[in-house]
Amino acid sequence: MVIESIKKIVDFLEEEIKVEEISLTLSLHPLAHKSLQKEIWEMGNKSNPFEYTDEFNLQMNKIKFTFLIKE
């Protein structure tokens, strides 16, 4: 999963489902989880060192994503 795909999801939800806020929880395979987490870190403030976590959040407009490692 890449950030461009997530942006497409956000665009769709904001346009088709007009709500004030949506929270989504997604379980990803460990490799996809780590890859996405690093990609998001690279786009943001890099003053803190990168560390993998089992769970992380991403807020895009009115959509809040919570990403977990799939067990």
PDB file of N, CA and C in Angstrom:
ATOM      1  N   MET A   1       0.858  -1.169   0.000  1.00  0.00           N
ATOM      2  CA  MET A   1       0.000   0.000   0.000  1.00  0.00           C
ATOM      3  C   MET A   1       0.899   1.224   0.000  1.00  0.00           C
ATOM      4  N   VAL A   2       0.633   2.157  -0.852  1.00  0.00           N
ATOM      5  CA  VAL A   2       1.415   3.382  -0.921  1.00  0.00           C
ATOM      6  C   VAL A   2       0.536   4.569  -0.559  1.00  0.00           C
ATOM      7  N   ILE A   3       1.176   5.656  -0.232  1.00  0.00           N
ATOM      8  CA  ILE A   3       0.451   6.835   0.230  1.00  0.00           C
ATOM      9  C   ILE A   3      -0.525   7.361  -0.827  1.00  0.00           C
ATOM     10  N   GLU A   4      -0.202   7.201  -2.113  1.00  0.00           N
ATOM     11  CA  GLU A   4      -1.113   7.661  -3.175  1.00  0.00           C
ATOM     12  C   GLU A   4      -2.444   6.906  -3.125  1.00  0.00           C
ATOM     13  N   SER A   5      -2.382   5.629  -2.806  1.00  0.00           N
ATOM     14  CA  SER A   5      -3.612   4.837  -2.685  1.00  0.00           C
ATOM     15  C   SER A   5      -4.450   5.306  -1.505  1.00  0.00           C
ATOM     16  N   ILE A   6      -3.790   5.651  -0.422  1.00  0.00           N
ATOM     17  CA  ILE A   6      -4.509   6.153   0.749  1.00  0.00           C
ATOM     18  C   ILE A   6      -5.181   7.481   0.414  1.00  0.00           C
ATOM     19  N   LYS A   7      -4.493   8.327  -0.353  1.00  0.00           N
ATOM     20  CA  LYS A   7      -5.089   9.610  -0.758  1.00  0.00           C
ATOM     21  C   LYS A   7      -6.344   9.386  -1.596  1.00  0.00           C
ATOM     22  N   LYS A   8      -6.335   8.361  -2.443  1.00  0.00           N
ATOM     23  CA  LYS A   8      -7.517   8.051  -3.247  1.00  0.00           C
ATOM     24  C   LYS A   8      -8.685   7.627  -2.353  1.00  0.00           C
ATOM     25  N   ILE A   9      -8.391   6.869  -1.320  1.00  0.00           N
ATOM     26  CA  ILE A   9      -9.431   6.457  -0.362  1.00  0.00           C
ATOM     27  C   ILE A   9     -10.008   7.679   0.329  1.00  0.00           C
ATOM     28  N   VAL A  10      -9.148   8.579   0.768  1.00  0.00           N
ATOM     29  CA  VAL A  10      -9.594   9.800   1.440  1.00  0.00           C
ATOM     30  C   VAL A  10     -10.464  10.628   0.514  1.00  0.00           C
ATOM     31  N   ASP A  11     -10.022  10.823  -0.728  1.00  0.00           N
ATOM     32  CA  ASP A  11     -10.812  11.596  -1.700  1.00  0.00           C
ATOM     33  C   ASP A  11     -12.182  10.971  -1.902  1.00  0.00           C
ATOM     34  N   PHE A  12     -12.231   9.649  -2.063  1.00  0.00           N
ATOM     35  CA  PHE A  12     -13.502   8.963  -2.262  1.00  0.00           C
ATOM     36  C   PHE A  12     -14.428   9.150  -1.062  1.00  0.00           C
ATOM     37  N   LEU A  13     -13.915   8.907   0.134  1.00  0.00           N
ATOM     38  CA  LEU A  13     -14.757   9.007   1.331  1.00  0.00           C
ATOM     39  C   LEU A  13     -15.268  10.420   1.549  1.00  0.00           C
ATOM     40  N   GLU A  14     -14.427  11.406   1.311  1.00  0.00           N
ATOM     41  CA  GLU A  14     -14.858  12.791   1.513  1.00  0.00           C
ATOM     42  C   GLU A  14     -15.885  13.223   0.481  1.00  0.00           C
ATOM     43  N   GLU A  15     -15.783  12.707  -0.722  1.00  0.00           N
ATOM     44  CA  GLU A  15     -16.707  13.104  -1.766  1.00  0.00           C
ATOM     45  C   GLU A  15     -18.005  12.307  -1.739  1.00  0.00           C
ATOM     46  N   GLU A  16     -17.915  11.008  -1.515  1.00  0.00           N
ATOM     47  CA  GLU A  16     -19.085  10.136  -1.599  1.00  0.00           C
ATOM     48  C   GLU A  16     -19.815   9.976  -0.267  1.00  0.00           C
ATOM     49  N   ILE A  17     -19.091  10.015   0.813  1.00  0.00           N
ATOM     50  CA  ILE A  17     -19.684   9.837   2.136  1.00  0.00           C
ATOM     51  C   ILE A  17     -19.396  11.094   2.934  1.00  0.00           C
ATOM     52  N   LYS A  18     -20.298  12.021   2.864  1.00  0.00           N
ATOM     53  CA  LYS A  18     -20.073  13.324   3.484  1.00  0.00           C
ATOM     54  C   LYS A  18     -20.383  13.253   4.980  1.00  0.00           C
ATOM     55  N   VAL A  19     -19.340  13.026   5.749  1.00  0.00           N
ATOM     56  CA  VAL A  19     -19.464  12.981   7.205  1.00  0.00           C
ATOM     57  C   VAL A  19     -18.408  13.904   7.797  1.00  0.00           C
ATOM     58  N   GLU A  20     -18.553  14.167   9.081  1.00  0.00           N
ATOM     59  CA  GLU A  20     -17.611  15.066   9.723  1.00  0.00           C
ATOM     60  C   GLU A  20     -16.275  14.412  10.012  1.00  0.00           C
ATOM     61  N   GLU A  21     -16.285  13.133  10.358  1.00  0.00           N
ATOM     62  CA  GLU A  21     -15.040  12.437  10.651  1.00  0.00           C
ATOM     63  C   GLU A  21     -15.237  10.942  10.509  1.00  0.00           C
ATOM     64  N   ILE A  22     -14.218  10.281   9.988  1.00  0.00           N
ATOM     65  CA  ILE A  22     -14.243   8.825   9.841  1.00  0.00           C
ATOM     66  C   ILE A  22     -12.951   8.277  10.438  1.00  0.00           C
ATOM     67  N   SER A  23     -13.069   7.198  11.191  1.00  0.00           N
ATOM     68  CA  SER A  23     -11.899   6.501  11.718  1.00  0.00           C
ATOM     69  C   SER A  23     -11.871   5.093  11.132  1.00  0.00           C
ATOM     70  N   LEU A  24     -10.730   4.732  10.578  1.00  0.00           N
ATOM     71  CA  LEU A  24     -10.557   3.410   9.995  1.00  0.00           C
ATOM     72  C   LEU A  24      -9.378   2.719  10.658  1.00  0.00           C
ATOM     73  N   THR A  25      -9.539   1.453  10.975  1.00  0.00           N
ATOM     74  CA  THR A  25      -8.445   0.643  11.500  1.00  0.00           C
ATOM     75  C   THR A  25      -8.145  -0.438  10.487  1.00  0.00           C
ATOM     76  N   LEU A  26      -6.894  -0.503  10.068  1.00  0.00           N
ATOM     77  CA  LEU A  26      -6.481  -1.464   9.053  1.00  0.00           C
ATOM     78  C   LEU A  26      -5.340  -2.319   9.578  1.00  0.00           C
ATOM     79  N   SER A  27      -5.452  -3.619   9.387  1.00  0.00           N
ATOM     80  CA  SER A  27      -4.383  -4.547   9.754  1.00  0.00           C
ATOM     81  C   SER A  27      -3.598  -4.887   8.504  1.00  0.00           C
ATOM     82  N   LEU A  28      -2.291  -4.695   8.571  1.00  0.00           N
ATOM     83  CA  LEU A  28      -1.424  -4.942   7.429  1.00  0.00           C
ATOM     84  C   LEU A  28      -0.415  -6.035   7.757  1.00  0.00           C
ATOM     85  N   HIS A  29       0.039  -6.732   6.722  1.00  0.00           N
ATOM     86  CA  HIS A  29       1.127  -7.683   6.903  1.00  0.00           C
ATOM     87  C   HIS A  29       2.357  -6.906   7.375  1.00  0.00           C
ATOM     88  N   PRO A  30       3.219  -7.521   8.165  1.00  0.00           N
ATOM     89  CA  PRO A  30       4.353  -6.798   8.748  1.00  0.00           C
ATOM     90  C   PRO A  30       5.201  -6.021   7.742  1.00  0.00           C
ATOM     91  N   LEU A  31       5.496  -6.594   6.584  1.00  0.00           N
ATOM     92  CA  LEU A  31       6.332  -5.897   5.609  1.00  0.00           C
ATOM     93  C   LEU A  31       5.632  -4.648   5.069  1.00  0.00           C
ATOM     94  N   ALA A  32       4.359  -4.758   4.738  1.00  0.00           N
ATOM     95  CA  ALA A  32       3.597  -3.608   4.251  1.00  0.00           C
ATOM     96  C   ALA A  32       3.469  -2.551   5.341  1.00  0.00           C
ATOM     97  N   HIS A  33       3.268  -2.980   6.574  1.00  0.00           N
ATOM     98  CA  HIS A  33       3.144  -2.071   7.711  1.00  0.00           C
ATOM     99  C   HIS A  33       4.425  -1.257   7.880  1.00  0.00           C
ATOM    100  N   LYS A  34       5.564  -1.938   7.879  1.00  0.00           N
ATOM    101  CA  LYS A  34       6.855  -1.252   8.052  1.00  0.00           C
ATOM    102  C   LYS A  34       7.147  -0.322   6.886  1.00  0.00           C
ATOM    103  N   SER A  35       6.843  -0.765   5.683  1.00  0.00           N
ATOM    104  CA  SER A  35       7.088   0.055   4.496  1.00  0.00           C
ATOM    105  C   SER A  35       6.260   1.337   4.530  1.00  0.00           C
ATOM    106  N   LEU A  36       4.985   1.214   4.842  1.00  0.00           N
ATOM    107  CA  LEU A  36       4.106   2.382   4.907  1.00  0.00           C
ATOM    108  C   LEU A  36       4.528   3.318   6.040  1.00  0.00           C
ATOM    109  N   GLN A  37       4.863   2.758   7.174  1.00  0.00           N
ATOM    110  CA  GLN A  37       5.282   3.571   8.313  1.00  0.00           C
ATOM    111  C   GLN A  37       6.530   4.383   7.952  1.00  0.00           C
ATOM    112  N   LYS A  38       7.472   3.767   7.270  1.00  0.00           N
ATOM    113  CA  LYS A  38       8.690   4.482   6.881  1.00  0.00           C
ATOM    114  C   LYS A  38       8.378   5.550   5.840  1.00  0.00           C
ATOM    115  N   GLU A  39       7.511   5.245   4.887  1.00  0.00           N
ATOM    116  CA  GLU A  39       7.141   6.218   3.857  1.00  0.00           C
ATOM    117  C   GLU A  39       6.500   7.453   4.488  1.00  0.00           C
ATOM    118  N   ILE A  40       5.630   7.249   5.447  1.00  0.00           N
ATOM    119  CA  ILE A  40       4.983   8.374   6.124  1.00  0.00           C
ATOM    120  C   ILE A  40       6.003   9.179   6.919  1.00  0.00           C
ATOM    121  N   TRP A  41       6.938   8.493   7.596  1.00  0.00           N
ATOM    122  CA  TRP A  41       7.977   9.183   8.347  1.00  0.00           C
ATOM    123  C   TRP A  41       8.834  10.040   7.418  1.00  0.00           C
ATOM    124  N   GLU A  42       9.169   9.503   6.242  1.00  0.00           N
ATOM    125  CA  GLU A  42       9.999  10.236   5.289  1.00  0.00           C
ATOM    126  C   GLU A  42       9.314  11.493   4.762  1.00  0.00           C
ATOM    127  N   MET A  43       8.000  11.507   4.748  1.00  0.00           N
ATOM    128  CA  MET A  43       7.257  12.671   4.276  1.00  0.00           C
ATOM    129  C   MET A  43       7.130  13.749   5.351  1.00  0.00           C
ATOM    130  N   GLY A  44       7.345  13.384   6.603  1.00  0.00           N
ATOM    131  CA  GLY A  44       7.109  14.311   7.701  1.00  0.00           C
ATOM    132  C   GLY A  44       8.380  14.891   8.282  1.00  0.00           C
ATOM    133  N   ASN A  45       8.288  15.251   9.547  1.00  0.00           N
ATOM    134  CA  ASN A  45       9.390  15.841  10.294  1.00  0.00           C
ATOM    135  C   ASN A  45      10.396  14.752  10.661  1.00  0.00           C
ATOM    136  N   LYS A  46      11.593  14.866  10.146  1.00  0.00           N
ATOM    137  CA  LYS A  46      12.603  13.831  10.372  1.00  0.00           C
ATOM    138  C   LYS A  46      13.530  14.164  11.529  1.00  0.00           C
ATOM    139  N   SER A  47      13.155  15.115  12.375  1.00  0.00           N
ATOM    140  CA  SER A  47      14.031  15.472  13.491  1.00  0.00           C
ATOM    141  C   SER A  47      14.106  14.350  14.522  1.00  0.00           C
ATOM    142  N   ASN A  48      13.062  13.540  14.613  1.00  0.00           N
ATOM    143  CA  ASN A  48      13.092  12.375  15.502  1.00  0.00           C
ATOM    144  C   ASN A  48      13.546  11.160  14.698  1.00  0.00           C
ATOM    145  N   PRO A  49      14.357  10.298  15.299  1.00  0.00           N
ATOM    146  CA  PRO A  49      14.801   9.107  14.559  1.00  0.00           C
ATOM    147  C   PRO A  49      13.627   8.180  14.252  1.00  0.00           C
ATOM    148  N   PHE A  50      13.744   7.464  13.158  1.00  0.00           N
ATOM    149  CA  PHE A  50      12.690   6.539  12.753  1.00  0.00           C
ATOM    150  C   PHE A  50      12.726   5.288  13.619  1.00  0.00           C
ATOM    151  N   GLU A  51      11.570   4.906  14.132  1.00  0.00           N
ATOM    152  CA  GLU A  51      11.426   3.678  14.903  1.00  0.00           C
ATOM    153  C   GLU A  51      10.137   2.994  14.484  1.00  0.00           C
ATOM    154  N   TYR A  52      10.219   1.686  14.228  1.00  0.00           N
ATOM    155  CA  TYR A  52       9.022   0.920  13.904  1.00  0.00           C
ATOM    156  C   TYR A  52       8.174   0.743  15.161  1.00  0.00           C
ATOM    157  N   THR A  53       6.858   0.788  14.984  1.00  0.00           N
ATOM    158  CA  THR A  53       5.931   0.515  16.074  1.00  0.00           C
ATOM    159  C   THR A  53       4.874  -0.462  15.566  1.00  0.00           C
ATOM    160  N   ASP A  54       4.245  -1.168  16.466  1.00  0.00           N
ATOM    161  CA  ASP A  54       3.197  -2.122  16.075  1.00  0.00           C
ATOM    162  C   ASP A  54       1.915  -1.428  15.640  1.00  0.00           C
ATOM    163  N   GLU A  55       1.771  -0.168  16.011  1.00  0.00           N
ATOM    164  CA  GLU A  55       0.575   0.602  15.673  1.00  0.00           C
ATOM    165  C   GLU A  55       0.982   2.038  15.418  1.00  0.00           C
ATOM    166  N   PHE A  56       0.413   2.638  14.373  1.00  0.00           N
ATOM    167  CA  PHE A  56       0.633   4.062  14.138  1.00  0.00           C
ATOM    168  C   PHE A  56      -0.598   4.655  13.484  1.00  0.00           C
ATOM    169  N   ASN A  57      -0.714   5.979  13.582  1.00  0.00           N
ATOM    170  CA  ASN A  57      -1.883   6.698  13.082  1.00  0.00           C
ATOM    171  C   ASN A  57      -1.484   7.652  11.968  1.00  0.00           C
ATOM    172  N   LEU A  58      -2.446   7.928  11.113  1.00  0.00           N
ATOM    173  CA  LEU A  58      -2.279   8.895  10.039  1.00  0.00           C
ATOM    174  C   LEU A  58      -3.590   9.658   9.911  1.00  0.00           C
ATOM    175  N   GLN A  59      -3.524  10.977  10.000  1.00  0.00           N
ATOM    176  CA  GLN A  59      -4.715  11.819   9.849  1.00  0.00           C
ATOM    177  C   GLN A  59      -4.609  12.526   8.506  1.00  0.00           C
ATOM    178  N   MET A  60      -5.601  12.333   7.650  1.00  0.00           N
ATOM    179  CA  MET A  60      -5.664  13.020   6.365  1.00  0.00           C
ATOM    180  C   MET A  60      -7.044  13.652   6.257  1.00  0.00           C
ATOM    181  N   ASN A  61      -7.056  14.970   6.339  1.00  0.00           N
ATOM    182  CA  ASN A  61      -8.308  15.719   6.340  1.00  0.00           C
ATOM    183  C   ASN A  61      -9.213  15.192   7.456  1.00  0.00           C
ATOM    184  N   LYS A  62     -10.386  14.708   7.110  1.00  0.00           N
ATOM    185  CA  LYS A  62     -11.346  14.235   8.122  1.00  0.00           C
ATOM    186  C   LYS A  62     -11.242  12.735   8.384  1.00  0.00           C
ATOM    187  N   ILE A  63     -10.253  12.087   7.798  1.00  0.00           N
ATOM    188  CA  ILE A  63     -10.117  10.644   7.916  1.00  0.00           C
ATOM    189  C   ILE A  63      -8.919  10.315   8.805  1.00  0.00           C
ATOM    190  N   LYS A  64      -9.168   9.509   9.837  1.00  0.00           N
ATOM    191  CA  LYS A  64      -8.077   9.057  10.706  1.00  0.00           C
ATOM    192  C   LYS A  64      -7.883   7.566  10.483  1.00  0.00           C
ATOM    193  N   PHE A  65      -6.671   7.207  10.081  1.00  0.00           N
ATOM    194  CA  PHE A  65      -6.304   5.818   9.874  1.00  0.00           C
ATOM    195  C   PHE A  65      -5.486   5.338  11.063  1.00  0.00           C
ATOM    196  N   THR A  66      -5.777   4.138  11.532  1.00  0.00           N
ATOM    197  CA  THR A  66      -4.941   3.458  12.506  1.00  0.00           C
ATOM    198  C   THR A  66      -4.463   2.186  11.835  1.00  0.00           C
ATOM    199  N   PHE A  67      -3.162   2.026  11.762  1.00  0.00           N
ATOM    200  CA  PHE A  67      -2.564   0.867  11.113  1.00  0.00           C
ATOM    201  C   PHE A  67      -1.977  -0.062  12.174  1.00  0.00           C
ATOM    202  N   LEU A  68      -2.330  -1.321  12.093  1.00  0.00           N
ATOM    203  CA  LEU A  68      -1.851  -2.349  13.012  1.00  0.00           C
ATOM    204  C   LEU A  68      -1.134  -3.434  12.223  1.00  0.00           C
ATOM    205  N   ILE A  69      -0.259  -4.165  12.901  1.00  0.00           N
ATOM    206  CA  ILE A  69       0.374  -5.313  12.254  1.00  0.00           C
ATOM    207  C   ILE A  69      -0.584  -6.493  12.336  1.00  0.00           C
ATOM    208  N   LYS A  70      -0.829  -7.108  11.194  1.00  0.00           N
ATOM    209  CA  LYS A  70      -1.709  -8.273  11.116  1.00  0.00           C
ATOM    210  C   LYS A  70      -1.043  -9.463  11.779  1.00  0.00           C
ATOM    211  N   GLU A  71      -1.796 -10.145  12.610  1.00  0.00           N
ATOM    212  CA  GLU A  71      -1.237 -11.319  13.308  1.00  0.00           C
ATOM    213  C   GLU A  71      -1.596 -12.596  12.601  1.00  0.00           C
TER     214      GLU A  71
END
